[in-house]
C-alpha atoms as a PDB file:
ATOM      1  CA  MET A   1       0.122 144.705-211.169  1.00  0.00           C
ATOM      2  CA  LEU A   2       1.815 148.011-210.380  1.00  0.00           C
ATOM      3  CA  GLN A   3      -1.556 149.528-209.490  1.00  0.00           C
ATOM      4  CA  VAL A   4      -2.235 146.698-207.021  1.00  0.00           C
ATOM      5  CA  ASN A   5       1.151 147.264-205.337  1.00  0.00           C
ATOM      6  CA  ARG A   6       0.418 150.976-204.978  1.00  0.00           C
ATOM      7  CA  GLU A   7      -2.962 150.227-203.433  1.00  0.00           C
ATOM      8  CA  MET A   8      -1.416 147.756-201.008  1.00  0.00           C
ATOM      9  CA  ALA A   9       1.261 150.294-200.010  1.00  0.00           C
ATOM     10  CA  LEU A  10      -1.374 152.993-199.516  1.00  0.00           C
ATOM     11  CA  ARG A  11      -3.466 150.592-197.431  1.00  0.00           C
ATOM     12  CA  ARG A  12      -0.467 149.808-195.183  1.00  0.00           C
ATOM     13  CA  VAL A  13       0.245 153.511-194.705  1.00  0.00           C
ATOM     14  CA  MET A  14      -3.395 154.177-193.792  1.00  0.00           C
ATOM     15  CA  GLU A  15      -3.331 151.292-191.303  1.00  0.00           C
ATOM     16  CA  GLU A  16      -0.405 152.981-189.558  1.00  0.00           C
ATOM     17  CA  VAL A  17      -1.847 156.501-189.681  1.00  0.00           C
ATOM     18  CA  ILE A  18      -5.315 155.643-188.390  1.00  0.00           C
ATOM     19  CA  LYS A  19      -4.975 154.309-184.858  1.00  0.00           C
ATOM     20  CA  PRO A  20      -8.460 153.385-183.606  1.00  0.00           C
ATOM     21  CA  LYS A  21      -7.437 153.329-179.947  1.00  0.00           C
ATOM     22  CA  PHE A  22      -6.033 156.863-180.107  1.00  0.00           C
ATOM     23  CA  LEU A  23      -9.039 158.172-182.046  1.00  0.00           C
ATOM     24  CA  LEU A  24     -11.338 156.461-179.540  1.00  0.00           C
ATOM     25  CA  GLY A  25      -9.636 158.362-176.721  1.00  0.00           C
ATOM     26  CA  ILE A  26     -10.164 161.635-178.580  1.00  0.00           C
ATOM     27  CA  ALA A  27     -13.827 160.806-179.229  1.00  0.00           C
ATOM     28  CA  CYS A  28     -14.339 159.912-175.562  1.00  0.00           C
ATOM     29  CA  ILE A  29     -12.808 163.163-174.336  1.00  0.00           C
ATOM     30  CA  PHE A  30     -14.812 165.235-176.830  1.00  0.00           C
ATOM     31  CA  MET A  31     -18.057 163.451-175.926  1.00  0.00           C
ATOM     32  CA  LEU A  32     -17.588 164.016-172.202  1.00  0.00           C
ATOM     33  CA  ILE A  33     -16.512 167.648-172.662  1.00  0.00           C
ATOM     34  CA  GLY A  34     -19.383 168.225-175.078  1.00  0.00           C
ATOM     35  CA  SER A  35     -21.969 166.857-172.655  1.00  0.00           C
ATOM     36  CA  PHE A  36     -20.852 169.350-169.979  1.00  0.00           C
ATOM     37  CA  ALA A  37     -20.357 172.271-172.380  1.00  0.00           C
ATOM     38  CA  PRO A  38     -23.147 174.719-173.297  1.00  0.00           C
ATOM     39  CA  TRP A  39     -25.690 173.293-175.720  1.00  0.00           C
ATOM     40  CA  GLU A  40     -27.736 176.476-175.969  1.00  0.00           C
ATOM     41  CA  THR A  41     -27.073 180.180-175.647  1.00  0.00           C
ATOM     42  CA  LEU A  42     -29.537 182.988-175.224  1.00  0.00           C
ATOM     43  CA  GLY A  43     -27.857 186.363-175.207  1.00  0.00           C
ATOM     44  CA  GLU A  44     -25.158 186.256-172.524  1.00  0.00           C
ATOM     45  CA  GLN A  45     -26.515 183.142-170.835  1.00  0.00           C
ATOM     46  CA  SER A  46     -25.659 179.596-171.782  1.00  0.00           C
ATOM     47  CA  ALA A  47     -26.769 176.232-170.451  1.00  0.00           C
ATOM     48  CA  ASN A  48     -25.752 172.636-170.840  1.00  0.00           C
ATOM     49  CA  ALA A  49     -28.254 169.849-171.350  1.00  0.00           C
ATOM     50  CA  LEU A  50     -27.500 167.577-168.394  1.00  0.00           C
ATOM     51  CA  GLY A  51     -30.841 168.502-166.854  1.00  0.00           C
ATOM     52  CA  HIS A  52     -32.643 167.089-169.900  1.00  0.00           C
ATOM     53  CA  TRP A  53     -32.888 163.497-171.097  1.00  0.00           C
ATOM     54  CA  GLN A  54     -30.924 164.316-174.256  1.00  0.00           C
ATOM     55  CA  GLY A  55     -27.951 165.547-172.263  1.00  0.00           C
ATOM     56  CA  MET A  56     -28.097 162.530-169.989  1.00  0.00           C
ATOM     57  CA  ILE A  57     -28.003 160.043-172.864  1.00  0.00           C
ATOM     58  CA  ALA A  58     -25.106 161.964-174.409  1.00  0.00           C
ATOM     59  CA  PHE A  59     -23.266 161.713-171.075  1.00  0.00           C
ATOM     60  CA  ILE A  60     -24.050 157.987-170.891  1.00  0.00           C
ATOM     61  CA  GLY A  61     -22.734 157.728-174.460  1.00  0.00           C
ATOM     62  CA  GLY A  62     -19.493 159.348-173.290  1.00  0.00           C
ATOM     63  CA  LEU A  63     -19.266 156.850-170.441  1.00  0.00           C
ATOM     64  CA  LEU A  64     -19.772 154.001-172.926  1.00  0.00           C
ATOM     65  CA  LEU A  65     -16.958 155.418-175.054  1.00  0.00           C
ATOM     66  CA  LEU A  66     -14.809 155.474-171.917  1.00  0.00           C
ATOM     67  CA  LEU A  67     -15.716 151.838-171.242  1.00  0.00           C
ATOM     68  CA  GLY A  68     -14.871 150.945-174.845  1.00  0.00           C
ATOM     69  CA  MET A  69     -11.541 152.729-174.515  1.00  0.00           C
ATOM     70  CA  LEU A  70     -10.718 150.840-171.309  1.00  0.00           C
ATOM     71  CA  VAL A  71     -11.584 147.536-172.970  1.00  0.00           C
ATOM     72  CA  ASN A  72      -9.590 148.318-176.121  1.00  0.00           C
ATOM     73  CA  TYR A  73      -6.501 149.411-174.205  1.00  0.00           C
ATOM     74  CA  LYS A  74      -6.839 146.265-172.048  1.00  0.00           C
ATOM     75  CA  PHE A  75      -7.067 148.312-168.828  1.00  0.00           C
ATOM     76  CA  LEU A  76     -10.325 146.558-168.036  1.00  0.00           C
ATOM     77  CA  LYS A  77     -10.224 142.785-168.281  1.00  0.00           C
ATOM     78  CA  VAL A  78     -13.545 141.013-167.952  1.00  0.00           C
ATOM     79  CA  LYS A  79     -13.798 137.360-169.040  1.00  0.00           C
ATOM     80  CA  LYS A  80     -17.268 137.754-170.554  1.00  0.00           C
ATOM     81  CA  LEU A  81     -16.154 140.771-172.584  1.00  0.00           C
ATOM     82  CA  GLU A  82     -13.097 138.941-173.928  1.00  0.00           C
ATOM     83  CA  MET A  83     -15.191 136.024-175.204  1.00  0.00           C
ATOM     84  CA  GLN A  84     -17.047 138.321-177.598  1.00  0.00           C
ATOM     85  CA  ASP A  85     -14.148 140.636-178.348  1.00  0.00           C
ATOM     86  CA  LEU A  86     -15.263 141.793-181.793  1.00  0.00           C
ATOM     87  CA  LEU A  87     -18.848 142.494-180.825  1.00  0.00           C
ATOM     88  CA  THR A  88     -17.856 144.081-177.530  1.00  0.00           C
ATOM     89  CA  ASN A  89     -15.188 146.433-178.862  1.00  0.00           C
ATOM     90  CA  GLY A  90     -17.107 147.744-181.847  1.00  0.00           C
ATOM     91  CA  GLY A  91     -20.546 147.506-180.265  1.00  0.00           C
ATOM     92  CA  ILE A  92     -19.849 149.486-177.115  1.00  0.00           C
ATOM     93  CA  VAL A  93     -18.216 152.266-179.115  1.00  0.00           C
ATOM     94  CA  ALA A  94     -21.012 152.353-181.715  1.00  0.00           C
ATOM     95  CA  LEU A  95     -23.731 152.411-179.043  1.00  0.00           C
ATOM     96  CA  GLY A  96     -22.046 155.234-177.126  1.00  0.00           C
ATOM     97  CA  SER A  97     -21.550 157.233-180.310  1.00  0.00           C
ATOM     98  CA  LEU A  98     -25.139 156.775-181.424  1.00  0.00           C
ATOM     99  CA  LEU A  99     -26.450 157.814-178.006  1.00  0.00           C
ATOM    100  CA  GLY A 100     -24.408 161.019-178.179  1.00  0.00           C
ATOM    101  CA  ILE A 101     -25.521 161.830-181.721  1.00  0.00           C
ATOM    102  CA  ILE A 102     -29.190 161.085-181.018  1.00  0.00           C
ATOM    103  CA  GLY A 103     -29.165 163.136-177.822  1.00  0.00           C
ATOM    104  CA  ALA A 104     -27.510 166.134-179.457  1.00  0.00           C
ATOM    105  CA  ILE A 105     -29.668 166.137-182.586  1.00  0.00           C
ATOM    106  CA  THR A 106     -32.940 165.721-180.700  1.00  0.00           C
ATOM    107  CA  TYR A 107     -31.976 168.512-178.327  1.00  0.00           C
ATOM    108  CA  GLY A 108     -31.138 170.792-181.247  1.00  0.00           C
ATOM    109  CA  VAL A 109     -34.421 169.990-182.990  1.00  0.00           C
ATOM    110  CA  GLU A 110     -36.416 170.466-179.785  1.00  0.00           C
ATOM    111  CA  LEU A 111     -34.615 173.749-179.110  1.00  0.00           C
ATOM    112  CA  GLY A 112     -35.912 175.198-182.361  1.00  0.00           C
ATOM    113  CA  THR A 113     -35.497 178.937-182.694  1.00  0.00           C
ATOM    114  CA  ARG A 114     -35.926 179.949-179.052  1.00  0.00           C
ATOM    115  CA  ALA A 115     -32.142 180.040-178.537  1.00  0.00           C
ATOM    116  CA  LEU A 116     -28.894 179.550-180.435  1.00  0.00           C
ATOM    117  CA  LEU A 117     -27.128 176.215-180.524  1.00  0.00           C
ATOM    118  CA  GLY A 118     -24.054 176.106-178.281  1.00  0.00           C
ATOM    119  CA  TRP A 119     -20.613 174.786-179.142  1.00  0.00           C
ATOM    120  CA  GLY A 120     -20.980 171.770-176.843  1.00  0.00           C
ATOM    121  CA  LEU A 121     -23.750 170.422-179.043  1.00  0.00           C
ATOM    122  CA  PHE A 122     -21.488 170.469-182.086  1.00  0.00           C
ATOM    123  CA  ILE A 123     -18.573 168.882-180.215  1.00  0.00           C
ATOM    124  CA  THR A 124     -20.881 166.088-179.066  1.00  0.00           C
ATOM    125  CA  ILE A 125     -22.039 165.403-182.625  1.00  0.00           C
ATOM    126  CA  LEU A 126     -18.441 165.505-183.885  1.00  0.00           C
ATOM    127  CA  ALA A 127     -17.380 163.045-181.172  1.00  0.00           C
ATOM    128  CA  GLY A 128     -20.245 160.751-182.115  1.00  0.00           C
ATOM    129  CA  VAL A 129     -19.296 160.720-185.781  1.00  0.00           C
ATOM    130  CA  LEU A 130     -15.651 160.092-184.892  1.00  0.00           C
ATOM    131  CA  GLY A 131     -16.754 157.307-182.548  1.00  0.00           C
ATOM    132  CA  LEU A 132     -18.792 155.640-185.310  1.00  0.00           C
ATOM    133  CA  PHE A 133     -15.749 155.736-187.572  1.00  0.00           C
ATOM    134  CA  VAL A 134     -13.637 154.158-184.828  1.00  0.00           C
ATOM    135  CA  ALA A 135     -16.268 151.458-184.245  1.00  0.00           C
ATOM    136  CA  TYR A 136     -16.194 150.635-187.959  1.00  0.00           C
ATOM    137  CA  GLU A 137     -12.380 150.512-187.968  1.00  0.00           C
ATOM    138  CA  ILE A 138     -12.314 148.241-184.905  1.00  0.00           C
ATOM    139  CA  TYR A 139     -14.839 145.931-186.518  1.00  0.00           C
ATOM    140  CA  ARG A 140     -13.083 145.938-189.897  1.00  0.00           C
ATOM    141  CA  ARG A 141      -9.631 145.251-188.459  1.00  0.00           C
ATOM    142  CA  ASN A 142     -10.865 142.318-186.382  1.00  0.00           C
ATOM    143  CA  GLN A 143     -12.535 140.586-189.314  1.00  0.00           C
ATOM    144  CA  PRO A 144     -10.877 137.358-190.432  1.00  0.00           C
ATOM    145  CA  GLU A 145      -8.980 137.547-193.701  1.00  0.00           C
ATOM    146  CA  VAL A 146     -10.995 136.409-196.712  1.00  0.00           C
ATOM    147  CA  PRO A 147      -9.199 133.535-198.417  1.00  0.00           C
ATOM    148  CA  LYS A 148      -7.935 134.301-201.886  1.00  0.00           C
ATOM    149  CA  VAL A 149      -9.350 132.119-204.625  1.00  0.00           C
ATOM    150  CA  ALA A 150      -7.442 131.508-207.832  1.00  0.00           C
ATOM    151  CA  TRP A 151      -9.748 131.346-210.830  1.00  0.00           C
ATOM    152  CA  HIS A 152      -8.740 129.019-213.610  1.00  0.00           C
ATOM    153  CA  VAL A 153     -10.127 129.499-217.065  1.00  0.00           C
ATOM    154  CA  ASP A 154     -10.404 126.204-218.911  1.00  0.00           C
END
């Protein structure tokens, strides 16, 4: 019984520490900065990927994270989005995160050894992973509580 109380207390502390809305804002900022930052460096020169399809889908992913942040903070109120609140909140964030991760990884693979990977590529991947975590937390917190069943042994 004492172990269960400790777990419940730890769970409450983690609920307070992990704020999905705040982490979503951080992921959005990192994704947008990462899409404009250099994704490749060759000697003294560096270039971002906005001229390539991978950079464009990472930028669109950042815009989707921004849309998810606006919806979660209730800055953007759309009736159709409110009807499917759980799917909308987690889905927009997950889609934006996946677009950023896919764009960054495919660009890095396509780049090969002709140049070094830039820091913007890594920030974009980090933002995507953080965004996927936030999407999971949004989905998990909006799930209905599972009813507790008392088992009787006869």
